[in-house]
Amino acid sequence: MKILGIGNAIVDVLCRVDDKFLIKNSLTKSTMKLIDEKEFKNLLKNLTIEETISGGSVANSIVGLSQLKNEVGFIGKIKNDELGQKYEDGLKKENVNFLYTKKDEPISTGSCLVLITPDSERTMCTFLGTAGKINDQDIDANVVKNAEITFLEGYLWDEGEPKKAFEKAINNSNKVAMSLSDLFCVERHKDQFLDLVKNKLDIIFANEQEVLSLINSKSFEDVISFSKNLKKNIIITRGENGAIAINGNEVFECSAQKNLKIIDLTGAGDLFAAGYLHGHINKLSIKKCLEKGTELSSTIIQKIGARI
């Protein structure tokens, strides 16, 4: 297997809202907020569902890689309930090898309300459900060892059982890639993420806000210096300023595509990572990896949802 993704198995529920809805419900645009099941249902009750798909950040990337004809798998914790079955069926439909056996659990399968505002930004309210209870027993060490790359998401990191699952995956991996996932996620776990970036990871994906927060700086020059010192492969998306990869002492840049009809930014970072990793495992140059990531992210933001 080329790439094994491990992340939160979340059913994405996509809805269109206006900015007033975010203000009324005290939501910060373009971020992810963790909520309980009751709050999830309260937010959803007056909304119209546009689409329901098997989501989660790394799962979106893995589906993208599968659509590019790469051999991939995914581990994420779901319950043996209706949403869990929908989740599993959704990944299998995309030719992803779903490597988790669902069981009866005390908590429902996780779900994420993806709120799309008229400016195409997405604000996420996530009920982690049983996805947030993933533990080391859910990770098959042999499955991890058989993958060329393990791809993890920052969203998965949490103290307790999820952290044990995360560490077991890292300790058994041949090569580890990780997305920092979200600005609030970085700010919640800054010290641990910094340790991971410096000592445990081989490939790191972040957007500009996330990496600036990680190193407590407002200067992108500091990001370049920090990345060069690490001697890792760090890939940073910068919105309309394109994307940049620092590999050892070398810096590679790729411009953003112009004149796009942006509809929904859901999955932009996830599909960028899919494109980049596709290039990486197929031995393309770093420049070509950046271009493939940019191509996929440009495609996905011109449609609803995170499926090409």
C-alpha atoms as a PDB file:
ATOM      1  CA  MET A   1       0.000   0.000   0.000  1.00  0.00           C
ATOM      2  CA  LYS A   2       1.308   3.426  -0.945  1.00  0.00           C
ATOM      3  CA  ILE A   3      -0.360   5.602   1.705  1.00  0.00           C
ATOM      4  CA  LEU A   4      -2.331   4.796   4.850  1.00  0.00           C
ATOM      5  CA  GLY A   5      -4.424   7.626   6.254  1.00  0.00           C
ATOM      6  CA  ILE A   6      -5.373   7.686   9.916  1.00  0.00           C
ATOM      7  CA  GLY A   7      -7.824  10.324  11.049  1.00  0.00           C
ATOM      8  CA  ASN A   8     -11.198  11.247  12.413  1.00  0.00           C
ATOM      9  CA  ALA A   9     -13.933   9.343  10.573  1.00  0.00           C
ATOM     10  CA  ILE A  10     -16.544  12.068  10.237  1.00  0.00           C
ATOM     11  CA  VAL A  11     -19.685  12.246   8.106  1.00  0.00           C
ATOM     12  CA  ASP A  12     -19.719  15.737   6.572  1.00  0.00           C
ATOM     13  CA  VAL A  13     -23.087  17.491   6.382  1.00  0.00           C
ATOM     14  CA  LEU A  14     -22.840  20.493   4.018  1.00  0.00           C
ATOM     15  CA  CYS A  15     -25.211  23.456   4.367  1.00  0.00           C
ATOM     16  CA  ARG A  16     -25.281  27.017   3.011  1.00  0.00           C
ATOM     17  CA  VAL A  17     -25.704  29.855   5.537  1.00  0.00           C
ATOM     18  CA  ASP A  18     -25.272  33.628   5.655  1.00  0.00           C
ATOM     19  CA  ASP A  19     -22.861  35.553   7.887  1.00  0.00           C
ATOM     20  CA  LYS A  20     -25.710  36.401  10.272  1.00  0.00           C
ATOM     21  CA  PHE A  21     -26.083  32.716  11.090  1.00  0.00           C
ATOM     22  CA  LEU A  22     -22.430  32.549  12.200  1.00  0.00           C
ATOM     23  CA  ILE A  23     -22.763  35.714  14.302  1.00  0.00           C
ATOM     24  CA  LYS A  24     -26.024  34.548  15.884  1.00  0.00           C
ATOM     25  CA  ASN A  25     -24.421  31.244  16.888  1.00  0.00           C
ATOM     26  CA  SER A  26     -21.095  32.783  18.033  1.00  0.00           C
ATOM     27  CA  LEU A  27     -19.080  30.940  15.379  1.00  0.00           C
ATOM     28  CA  THR A  28     -15.705  32.144  14.069  1.00  0.00           C
ATOM     29  CA  LYS A  29     -15.594  32.016  10.283  1.00  0.00           C
ATOM     30  CA  SER A  30     -13.170  29.559   8.632  1.00  0.00           C
ATOM     31  CA  THR A  31     -12.384  27.634  11.811  1.00  0.00           C
ATOM     32  CA  MET A  32     -13.444  24.326  13.308  1.00  0.00           C
ATOM     33  CA  LYS A  33     -15.337  24.215  16.619  1.00  0.00           C
ATOM     34  CA  LEU A  34     -15.926  21.046  18.621  1.00  0.00           C
ATOM     35  CA  ILE A  35     -19.544  20.679  19.744  1.00  0.00           C
ATOM     36  CA  ASP A  36     -21.716  18.034  21.413  1.00  0.00           C
ATOM     37  CA  GLU A  37     -24.480  16.067  19.725  1.00  0.00           C
ATOM     38  CA  LYS A  38     -27.248  18.261  21.140  1.00  0.00           C
ATOM     39  CA  GLU A  39     -25.649  21.451  19.768  1.00  0.00           C
ATOM     40  CA  PHE A  40     -25.112  19.724  16.421  1.00  0.00           C
ATOM     41  CA  LYS A  41     -28.818  18.896  16.167  1.00  0.00           C
ATOM     42  CA  ASN A  42     -29.852  22.404  17.274  1.00  0.00           C
ATOM     43  CA  LEU A  43     -27.694  24.048  14.603  1.00  0.00           C
ATOM     44  CA  LEU A  44     -28.940  21.681  11.917  1.00  0.00           C
ATOM     45  CA  LYS A  45     -32.677  21.846  12.653  1.00  0.00           C
ATOM     46  CA  ASN A  46     -33.369  24.999  10.597  1.00  0.00           C
ATOM     47  CA  LEU A  47     -30.888  24.326   7.781  1.00  0.00           C
ATOM     48  CA  THR A  48     -31.193  22.641   4.403  1.00  0.00           C
ATOM     49  CA  ILE A  49     -28.664  19.875   3.765  1.00  0.00           C
ATOM     50  CA  GLU A  50     -26.884  20.230   0.403  1.00  0.00           C
ATOM     51  CA  GLU A  51     -24.833  17.037   0.573  1.00  0.00           C
ATOM     52  CA  THR A  52     -23.726  14.301   2.977  1.00  0.00           C
ATOM     53  CA  ILE A  53     -20.361  12.592   2.400  1.00  0.00           C
ATOM     54  CA  SER A  54     -17.758  10.452   4.183  1.00  0.00           C
ATOM     55  CA  GLY A  55     -15.370  13.122   5.377  1.00  0.00           C
ATOM     56  CA  GLY A  56     -12.639  14.021   7.772  1.00  0.00           C
ATOM     57  CA  SER A  57      -9.534  15.865   6.628  1.00  0.00           C
ATOM     58  CA  VAL A  58      -7.191  12.947   5.951  1.00  0.00           C
ATOM     59  CA  ALA A  59     -10.054  10.826   4.587  1.00  0.00           C
ATOM     60  CA  ASN A  60     -10.670  13.547   1.978  1.00  0.00           C
ATOM     61  CA  SER A  61      -6.979  13.416   1.012  1.00  0.00           C
ATOM     62  CA  ILE A  62      -7.024   9.618   0.813  1.00  0.00           C
ATOM     63  CA  VAL A  63     -10.079   9.652  -1.475  1.00  0.00           C
ATOM     64  CA  GLY A  64      -8.297  12.181  -3.700  1.00  0.00           C
ATOM     65  CA  LEU A  65      -5.263   9.880  -3.878  1.00  0.00           C
ATOM     66  CA  SER A  66      -7.522   6.935  -4.735  1.00  0.00           C
ATOM     67  CA  GLN A  67      -9.156   8.929  -7.526  1.00  0.00           C
ATOM     68  CA  LEU A  68      -5.651   9.433  -8.929  1.00  0.00           C
ATOM     69  CA  LYS A  69      -5.331   5.611  -9.021  1.00  0.00           C
ATOM     70  CA  ASN A  70      -3.028   5.192  -6.025  1.00  0.00           C
ATOM     71  CA  GLU A  71      -3.354   2.200  -3.689  1.00  0.00           C
ATOM     72  CA  VAL A  72      -4.489   3.665  -0.364  1.00  0.00           C
ATOM     73  CA  GLY A  73      -6.160   2.736   2.907  1.00  0.00           C
ATOM     74  CA  PHE A  74      -7.800   4.495   5.833  1.00  0.00           C
ATOM     75  CA  ILE A  75      -8.277   3.829   9.539  1.00  0.00           C
ATOM     76  CA  GLY A  76     -10.928   5.788  11.434  1.00  0.00           C
ATOM     77  CA  LYS A  77     -13.236   4.829  14.291  1.00  0.00           C
ATOM     78  CA  ILE A  78     -16.952   4.537  13.529  1.00  0.00           C
ATOM     79  CA  LYS A  79     -19.913   2.944  15.279  1.00  0.00           C
ATOM     80  CA  ASN A  80     -21.975   0.098  13.894  1.00  0.00           C
ATOM     81  CA  ASP A  81     -24.886   2.481  13.236  1.00  0.00           C
ATOM     82  CA  GLU A  82     -26.563   4.012  10.168  1.00  0.00           C
ATOM     83  CA  LEU A  83     -24.056   6.848   9.819  1.00  0.00           C
ATOM     84  CA  GLY A  84     -21.174   4.442  10.337  1.00  0.00           C
ATOM     85  CA  GLN A  85     -22.436   2.207   7.540  1.00  0.00           C
ATOM     86  CA  LYS A  86     -22.848   5.245   5.274  1.00  0.00           C
ATOM     87  CA  TYR A  87     -19.291   6.270   6.094  1.00  0.00           C
ATOM     88  CA  GLU A  88     -17.814   2.863   5.280  1.00  0.00           C
ATOM     89  CA  ASP A  89     -19.861   2.524   2.084  1.00  0.00           C
ATOM     90  CA  GLY A  90     -18.773   6.013   0.975  1.00  0.00           C
ATOM     91  CA  LEU A  91     -15.071   5.174   1.238  1.00  0.00           C
ATOM     92  CA  LYS A  92     -15.408   1.749  -0.372  1.00  0.00           C
ATOM     93  CA  LYS A  93     -17.271   3.354  -3.277  1.00  0.00           C
ATOM     94  CA  GLU A  94     -14.112   5.438  -3.833  1.00  0.00           C
ATOM     95  CA  ASN A  95     -11.893   2.307  -3.849  1.00  0.00           C
ATOM     96  CA  VAL A  96     -10.348   3.142  -0.482  1.00  0.00           C
ATOM     97  CA  ASN A  97      -9.381   0.109   1.600  1.00  0.00           C
ATOM     98  CA  PHE A  98     -11.242   0.804   4.868  1.00  0.00           C
ATOM     99  CA  LEU A  99      -9.117  -0.915   7.502  1.00  0.00           C
ATOM    100  CA  TYR A 100     -11.295  -0.667  10.601  1.00  0.00           C
ATOM    101  CA  THR A 101     -13.958  -3.118  11.752  1.00  0.00           C
ATOM    102  CA  LYS A 102     -16.885  -1.178  13.208  1.00  0.00           C
ATOM    103  CA  LYS A 103     -18.405  -2.326  16.490  1.00  0.00           C
ATOM    104  CA  ASP A 104     -21.280  -1.389  18.784  1.00  0.00           C
ATOM    105  CA  GLU A 105     -20.061   1.685  20.655  1.00  0.00           C
ATOM    106  CA  PRO A 106     -21.663   3.838  23.385  1.00  0.00           C
ATOM    107  CA  ILE A 107     -21.318   6.990  21.237  1.00  0.00           C
ATOM    108  CA  SER A 108     -22.601   7.657  17.705  1.00  0.00           C
ATOM    109  CA  THR A 109     -20.472   7.934  14.573  1.00  0.00           C
ATOM    110  CA  GLY A 110     -18.979  11.425  14.299  1.00  0.00           C
ATOM    111  CA  SER A 111     -20.446  14.141  12.106  1.00  0.00           C
ATOM    112  CA  CYS A 112     -19.361  17.609  10.999  1.00  0.00           C
ATOM    113  CA  LEU A 113     -21.656  20.454  10.036  1.00  0.00           C
ATOM    114  CA  VAL A 114     -19.875  22.315   7.216  1.00  0.00           C
ATOM    115  CA  LEU A 115     -21.357  25.809   6.968  1.00  0.00           C
ATOM    116  CA  ILE A 116     -20.662  27.508   3.632  1.00  0.00           C
ATOM    117  CA  THR A 117     -21.067  31.302   3.554  1.00  0.00           C
ATOM    118  CA  PRO A 118     -21.614  33.387   0.381  1.00  0.00           C
ATOM    119  CA  ASP A 119     -17.868  34.211   0.232  1.00  0.00           C
ATOM    120  CA  SER A 120     -17.213  30.435  -0.173  1.00  0.00           C
ATOM    121  CA  GLU A 121     -15.511  30.147   3.224  1.00  0.00           C
ATOM    122  CA  ARG A 122     -16.420  27.123   5.304  1.00  0.00           C
ATOM    123  CA  THR A 123     -16.916  27.057   9.047  1.00  0.00           C
ATOM    124  CA  MET A 124     -17.056  23.651  10.697  1.00  0.00           C
ATOM    125  CA  CYS A 125     -18.895  22.467  13.784  1.00  0.00           C
ATOM    126  CA  THR A 126     -17.748  18.971  14.641  1.00  0.00           C
ATOM    127  CA  PHE A 127     -19.368  16.378  16.866  1.00  0.00           C
ATOM    128  CA  LEU A 128     -16.468  13.932  17.097  1.00  0.00           C
ATOM    129  CA  GLY A 129     -18.618  11.091  18.391  1.00  0.00           C
ATOM    130  CA  THR A 130     -16.839   7.774  18.528  1.00  0.00           C
ATOM    131  CA  ALA A 131     -14.147   9.069  16.122  1.00  0.00           C
ATOM    132  CA  GLY A 132     -12.679  10.969  19.058  1.00  0.00           C
ATOM    133  CA  LYS A 133     -12.374   7.748  21.065  1.00  0.00           C
ATOM    134  CA  ILE A 134      -9.851   6.102  18.757  1.00  0.00           C
ATOM    135  CA  ASN A 135      -7.143   4.277  20.720  1.00  0.00           C
ATOM    136  CA  ASP A 136      -4.004   2.233  20.153  1.00  0.00           C
ATOM    137  CA  GLN A 137      -6.023  -0.989  19.936  1.00  0.00           C
ATOM    138  CA  ASP A 138      -7.711   0.398  16.816  1.00  0.00           C
ATOM    139  CA  ILE A 139      -4.352   0.666  15.023  1.00  0.00           C
ATOM    140  CA  ASP A 140      -2.968  -2.515  13.459  1.00  0.00           C
ATOM    141  CA  ALA A 141       0.823  -2.151  13.591  1.00  0.00           C
ATOM    142  CA  ASN A 142       1.281  -4.536  10.650  1.00  0.00           C
ATOM    143  CA  VAL A 143      -1.022  -2.466   8.446  1.00  0.00           C
ATOM    144  CA  VAL A 144       1.023   0.643   9.302  1.00  0.00           C
ATOM    145  CA  LYS A 145       4.312  -1.141   8.578  1.00  0.00           C
ATOM    146  CA  ASN A 146       3.047  -2.224   5.150  1.00  0.00           C
ATOM    147  CA  ALA A 147       2.390   1.354   3.992  1.00  0.00           C
ATOM    148  CA  GLU A 148       5.096   3.476   2.384  1.00  0.00           C
ATOM    149  CA  ILE A 149       3.724   6.601   4.092  1.00  0.00           C
ATOM    150  CA  THR A 150       1.377   7.102   7.036  1.00  0.00           C
ATOM    151  CA  PHE A 151      -0.634  10.319   6.754  1.00  0.00           C
ATOM    152  CA  LEU A 152      -2.008  11.805   9.989  1.00  0.00           C
ATOM    153  CA  GLU A 153      -4.088  14.870  10.791  1.00  0.00           C
ATOM    154  CA  GLY A 154      -3.644  17.369  13.606  1.00  0.00           C
ATOM    155  CA  TYR A 155      -7.367  17.071  14.344  1.00  0.00           C
ATOM    156  CA  LEU A 156      -6.713  13.540  15.607  1.00  0.00           C
ATOM    157  CA  TRP A 157      -4.263  14.666  18.262  1.00  0.00           C
ATOM    158  CA  ASP A 158      -5.754  14.776  21.728  1.00  0.00           C
ATOM    159  CA  GLU A 159      -4.613  13.789  25.175  1.00  0.00           C
ATOM    160  CA  GLY A 160      -5.441  10.269  26.318  1.00  0.00           C
ATOM    161  CA  GLU A 161      -6.476   7.452  23.994  1.00  0.00           C
ATOM    162  CA  PRO A 162      -6.207   9.311  20.643  1.00  0.00           C
ATOM    163  CA  LYS A 163      -2.652  10.360  21.523  1.00  0.00           C
ATOM    164  CA  LYS A 164      -1.749   6.697  22.147  1.00  0.00           C
ATOM    165  CA  ALA A 165      -3.197   5.776  18.739  1.00  0.00           C
ATOM    166  CA  PHE A 166      -1.234   8.596  17.124  1.00  0.00           C
ATOM    167  CA  GLU A 167       2.025   7.549  18.787  1.00  0.00           C
ATOM    168  CA  LYS A 168       1.564   3.869  17.896  1.00  0.00           C
ATOM    169  CA  ALA A 169       1.066   4.874  14.260  1.00  0.00           C
ATOM    170  CA  ILE A 170       4.202   7.040  14.248  1.00  0.00           C
ATOM    171  CA  ASN A 171       6.320   4.396  15.962  1.00  0.00           C
ATOM    172  CA  ASN A 172       5.423   1.774  13.330  1.00  0.00           C
ATOM    173  CA  SER A 173       5.596   3.990  10.234  1.00  0.00           C
ATOM    174  CA  ASN A 174       8.192   3.906   7.467  1.00  0.00           C
ATOM    175  CA  LYS A 175       7.619   7.599   6.743  1.00  0.00           C
ATOM    176  CA  VAL A 176       5.193  10.015   8.433  1.00  0.00           C
ATOM    177  CA  ALA A 177       3.294  12.902   6.871  1.00  0.00           C
ATOM    178  CA  MET A 178       0.976  15.145   8.867  1.00  0.00           C
ATOM    179  CA  SER A 179      -1.328  18.090   8.307  1.00  0.00           C
ATOM    180  CA  LEU A 180      -1.470  20.684  11.094  1.00  0.00           C
ATOM    181  CA  SER A 181      -5.195  20.887  10.205  1.00  0.00           C
ATOM    182  CA  ASP A 182      -6.464  24.128  11.737  1.00  0.00           C
ATOM    183  CA  LEU A 183      -5.252  27.319  13.446  1.00  0.00           C
ATOM    184  CA  PHE A 184      -7.188  26.624  16.656  1.00  0.00           C
ATOM    185  CA  CYS A 185      -5.838  23.072  16.616  1.00  0.00           C
ATOM    186  CA  VAL A 186      -2.273  24.399  16.470  1.00  0.00           C
ATOM    187  CA  GLU A 187      -2.925  26.878  19.273  1.00  0.00           C
ATOM    188  CA  ARG A 188      -4.422  24.169  21.506  1.00  0.00           C
ATOM    189  CA  HIS A 189      -1.485  21.784  21.044  1.00  0.00           C
ATOM    190  CA  LYS A 190       1.389  24.098  20.123  1.00  0.00           C
ATOM    191  CA  ASP A 191       4.163  22.555  22.232  1.00  0.00           C
ATOM    192  CA  GLN A 192       3.266  18.996  21.206  1.00  0.00           C
ATOM    193  CA  PHE A 193       2.935  19.925  17.535  1.00  0.00           C
ATOM    194  CA  LEU A 194       6.296  21.683  17.613  1.00  0.00           C
ATOM    195  CA  ASP A 195       7.860  18.540  19.066  1.00  0.00           C
ATOM    196  CA  LEU A 196       6.228  16.410  16.366  1.00  0.00           C
ATOM    197  CA  VAL A 197       7.392  18.729  13.585  1.00  0.00           C
ATOM    198  CA  LYS A 198      10.944  18.836  14.894  1.00  0.00           C
ATOM    199  CA  ASN A 199      11.400  15.217  15.904  1.00  0.00           C
ATOM    200  CA  LYS A 200       8.806  12.802  14.510  1.00  0.00           C
ATOM    201  CA  LEU A 201       7.511  13.909  11.104  1.00  0.00           C
ATOM    202  CA  ASP A 202       9.035  13.668   7.630  1.00  0.00           C
ATOM    203  CA  ILE A 203       6.470  15.653   5.602  1.00  0.00           C
ATOM    204  CA  ILE A 204       4.455  18.526   7.098  1.00  0.00           C
ATOM    205  CA  PHE A 205       1.478  20.327   5.542  1.00  0.00           C
ATOM    206  CA  ALA A 206       0.279  23.676   6.922  1.00  0.00           C
ATOM    207  CA  ASN A 207      -1.260  26.901   5.780  1.00  0.00           C
ATOM    208  CA  GLU A 208       0.467  30.199   6.407  1.00  0.00           C
ATOM    209  CA  GLN A 209      -1.571  31.099   9.519  1.00  0.00           C
ATOM    210  CA  GLU A 210      -0.927  27.719  11.120  1.00  0.00           C
ATOM    211  CA  VAL A 211       2.827  27.701  10.654  1.00  0.00           C
ATOM    212  CA  LEU A 212       3.192  31.330  11.810  1.00  0.00           C
ATOM    213  CA  SER A 213       1.262  30.434  14.967  1.00  0.00           C
ATOM    214  CA  LEU A 214       3.378  27.313  15.459  1.00  0.00           C
ATOM    215  CA  ILE A 215       6.619  29.316  15.582  1.00  0.00           C
ATOM    216  CA  ASN A 216       5.067  32.400  17.283  1.00  0.00           C
ATOM    217  CA  SER A 217       5.987  34.772  14.479  1.00  0.00           C
ATOM    218  CA  LYS A 218       4.369  37.257  12.106  1.00  0.00           C
ATOM    219  CA  SER A 219       7.181  37.040   9.537  1.00  0.00           C
ATOM    220  CA  PHE A 220       7.157  34.541   6.692  1.00  0.00           C
ATOM    221  CA  GLU A 221      10.934  34.917   6.476  1.00  0.00           C
ATOM    222  CA  ASP A 222      11.059  33.339   9.937  1.00  0.00           C
ATOM    223  CA  VAL A 223       9.052  30.420   8.553  1.00  0.00           C
ATOM    224  CA  ILE A 224      11.608  29.907   5.782  1.00  0.00           C
ATOM    225  CA  SER A 225      14.509  30.006   8.253  1.00  0.00           C
ATOM    226  CA  PHE A 226      12.750  27.671  10.685  1.00  0.00           C
ATOM    227  CA  SER A 227      11.973  25.191   7.901  1.00  0.00           C
ATOM    228  CA  LYS A 228      15.494  25.209   6.464  1.00  0.00           C
ATOM    229  CA  ASN A 229      16.943  24.484   9.901  1.00  0.00           C
ATOM    230  CA  LEU A 230      14.682  21.434  10.284  1.00  0.00           C
ATOM    231  CA  LYS A 231      15.930  19.736   7.092  1.00  0.00           C
ATOM    232  CA  LYS A 232      12.448  18.278   6.543  1.00  0.00           C
ATOM    233  CA  ASN A 233       9.929  18.537   3.707  1.00  0.00           C
ATOM    234  CA  ILE A 234       7.564  21.350   4.742  1.00  0.00           C
ATOM    235  CA  ILE A 235       4.750  22.415   2.437  1.00  0.00           C
ATOM    236  CA  ILE A 236       2.841  25.645   3.079  1.00  0.00           C
ATOM    237  CA  THR A 237      -0.262  26.865   1.271  1.00  0.00           C
ATOM    238  CA  ARG A 238      -0.672  30.653   1.074  1.00  0.00           C
ATOM    239  CA  GLY A 239      -4.052  31.211  -0.586  1.00  0.00           C
ATOM    240  CA  GLU A 240      -3.817  33.655  -3.480  1.00  0.00           C
ATOM    241  CA  ASN A 241      -0.028  33.764  -2.943  1.00  0.00           C
ATOM    242  CA  GLY A 242       0.253  30.148  -4.043  1.00  0.00           C
ATOM    243  CA  ALA A 243       2.189  27.409  -2.273  1.00  0.00           C
ATOM    244  CA  ILE A 244       5.758  26.854  -1.193  1.00  0.00           C
ATOM    245  CA  ALA A 245       7.799  23.786  -0.280  1.00  0.00           C
ATOM    246  CA  ILE A 246      10.999  23.847   1.738  1.00  0.00           C
ATOM    247  CA  ASN A 247      13.052  20.678   1.356  1.00  0.00           C
ATOM    248  CA  GLY A 248      16.331  20.849   3.239  1.00  0.00           C
ATOM    249  CA  ASN A 249      17.878  24.165   2.195  1.00  0.00           C
ATOM    250  CA  GLU A 250      15.949  24.381  -1.069  1.00  0.00           C
ATOM    251  CA  VAL A 251      12.814  26.479  -1.532  1.00  0.00           C
ATOM    252  CA  PHE A 252      10.290  25.773  -4.294  1.00  0.00           C
ATOM    253  CA  GLU A 253       7.308  27.965  -5.190  1.00  0.00           C
ATOM    254  CA  CYS A 254       4.116  27.517  -7.193  1.00  0.00           C
ATOM    255  CA  SER A 255       1.719  30.322  -8.093  1.00  0.00           C
ATOM    256  CA  ALA A 256      -2.002  30.095  -7.398  1.00  0.00           C
ATOM    257  CA  GLN A 257      -4.255  29.532 -10.395  1.00  0.00           C
ATOM    258  CA  LYS A 258      -6.081  32.684 -11.491  1.00  0.00           C
ATOM    259  CA  ASN A 259      -9.663  33.532 -12.501  1.00  0.00           C
ATOM    260  CA  LEU A 260     -11.277  30.642 -10.650  1.00  0.00           C
ATOM    261  CA  LYS A 261     -15.002  30.577  -9.965  1.00  0.00           C
ATOM    262  CA  ILE A 262     -14.748  29.799  -6.260  1.00  0.00           C
ATOM    263  CA  ILE A 263     -17.857  28.134  -4.840  1.00  0.00           C
ATOM    264  CA  ASP A 264     -16.731  26.329  -1.689  1.00  0.00           C
ATOM    265  CA  LEU A 265     -13.317  26.151   0.011  1.00  0.00           C
ATOM    266  CA  THR A 266     -14.147  22.845   1.740  1.00  0.00           C
ATOM    267  CA  GLY A 267     -11.352  20.354   1.176  1.00  0.00           C
ATOM    268  CA  ALA A 268      -8.945  22.799  -0.496  1.00  0.00           C
ATOM    269  CA  GLY A 269      -6.072  21.921   1.850  1.00  0.00           C
ATOM    270  CA  ASP A 270      -7.006  18.227   1.897  1.00  0.00           C
ATOM    271  CA  LEU A 271      -6.927  17.927  -1.893  1.00  0.00           C
ATOM    272  CA  PHE A 272      -3.753  19.996  -2.100  1.00  0.00           C
ATOM    273  CA  ALA A 273      -2.105  17.424   0.182  1.00  0.00           C
ATOM    274  CA  ALA A 274      -3.499  14.606  -1.982  1.00  0.00           C
ATOM    275  CA  GLY A 275      -1.984  16.140  -5.114  1.00  0.00           C
ATOM    276  CA  TYR A 276       1.369  16.744  -3.471  1.00  0.00           C
ATOM    277  CA  LEU A 277       1.561  13.239  -1.992  1.00  0.00           C
ATOM    278  CA  HIS A 278       0.538  11.747  -5.344  1.00  0.00           C
ATOM    279  CA  GLY A 279       3.542  13.461  -6.890  1.00  0.00           C
ATOM    280  CA  HIS A 280       5.800  12.393  -4.033  1.00  0.00           C
ATOM    281  CA  ILE A 281       4.983   8.668  -4.182  1.00  0.00           C
ATOM    282  CA  ASN A 282       5.178   8.693  -7.967  1.00  0.00           C
ATOM    283  CA  LYS A 283       8.682  10.208  -7.853  1.00  0.00           C
ATOM    284  CA  LEU A 284       7.788  13.591  -9.389  1.00  0.00           C
ATOM    285  CA  SER A 285       9.940  16.655  -8.701  1.00  0.00           C
ATOM    286  CA  ILE A 286       8.958  18.892  -5.795  1.00  0.00           C
ATOM    287  CA  LYS A 287       7.924  21.585  -8.266  1.00  0.00           C
ATOM    288  CA  LYS A 288       5.626  19.082 -10.015  1.00  0.00           C
ATOM    289  CA  CYS A 289       4.263  17.952  -6.616  1.00  0.00           C
ATOM    290  CA  LEU A 290       3.329  21.563  -5.812  1.00  0.00           C
ATOM    291  CA  GLU A 291       1.718  21.961  -9.226  1.00  0.00           C
ATOM    292  CA  LYS A 292      -0.363  18.799  -8.775  1.00  0.00           C
ATOM    293  CA  GLY A 293      -1.473  19.956  -5.331  1.00  0.00           C
ATOM    294  CA  THR A 294      -2.429  23.343  -6.746  1.00  0.00           C
ATOM    295  CA  GLU A 295      -4.311  21.708  -9.625  1.00  0.00           C
ATOM    296  CA  LEU A 296      -6.409  19.557  -7.292  1.00  0.00           C
ATOM    297  CA  SER A 297      -7.140  22.332  -4.785  1.00  0.00           C
ATOM    298  CA  SER A 298      -8.109  24.681  -7.644  1.00  0.00           C
ATOM    299  CA  THR A 299     -10.507  22.051  -8.980  1.00  0.00           C
ATOM    300  CA  ILE A 300     -12.175  21.327  -5.647  1.00  0.00           C
ATOM    301  CA  ILE A 301     -12.909  24.949  -4.692  1.00  0.00           C
ATOM    302  CA  GLN A 302     -14.972  25.365  -7.848  1.00  0.00           C
ATOM    303  CA  LYS A 303     -17.567  22.848  -6.671  1.00  0.00           C
ATOM    304  CA  ILE A 304     -19.494  21.925  -3.510  1.00  0.00           C
ATOM    305  CA  GLY A 305     -17.828  19.417  -1.184  1.00  0.00           C
ATOM    306  CA  ALA A 306     -14.456  17.711  -1.096  1.00  0.00           C
ATOM    307  CA  ARG A 307     -14.793  15.192  -3.934  1.00  0.00           C
ATOM    308  CA  ILE A 308     -13.238  15.762  -7.349  1.00  0.00           C
END
